[in-house]
Amino acid sequence: HVAARNFLHALSLRLRQDNKLITEGMQKQLIFSEKAQTDSLTGLRNRHWLEEKLPEVLREQDVGYPPCSVVMMDIDHFKQFNDQYGHLAGDTVLQNVASVVRDNLRENDAAIRYGGEELILVLPDTNTHNAEQIAQRLRKFIREHKVEAYDGEVLPAVTVSIGVYTIARGDSPEQVLSRVDAALYQAKKAGRDQVVVWTES
């Protein structure tokens, strides 16, 4: 009886240890997965996350989910800003823009650092009109946001140009990105610091 009880106690300890190791392993795997899909500078999602998520969003649109809009924004004259104030100041601006965006999105919205100074927003359950309103609001918030550099210097405010596109049934990821990029290009071409909604020409 004593031997059996000791055996069961030892087995119970071993199972608890194994479960702890499995749980820790799963937690580490989740952390690694999260880091692999997160931009280290801004804390936003990265391009890898978008490449995985966008096809899923398109499948949802094909089966009749509520409209989903995509927004692409680009910091105006960012290269000149870096040349004048340095890359550390440029990084600070990127972090501040990302923070303004993140603080003004809904829980289910996603913000992605697409590359360099370009951000993409995926806005579920958002039609074109509402997406344009969100984009205009973000544009104004960013323009009015004061940025303090690492040394305490107040940097000049930056502006962003923004393109908006609402996903249509049958769109491919390439079509979505091409159309929202075309809208962004039109915003830049028209003078920057503005929002343009993609329209079929």
Foldseek 3Di string as FASTA:
>chain_A
DVVVVVVVVVVVVVVVVVVVVVVVVVVVVVVVVQVVQADPLQRFGEQVVCVVCVVVVLVCVQVPFAWKKKKKKFWPPLVVVCVVPNVQQSSQLLNVLSVLLVVLDDPPKGWYDYDDRMIMIIGGNADPVRVQVSVLVSQVCQQPDWTAGPVRDIDHGIGMQMEMEIDHHPDDPVRNVVQRVVQSVVCVVVPGSHYGYGDDD
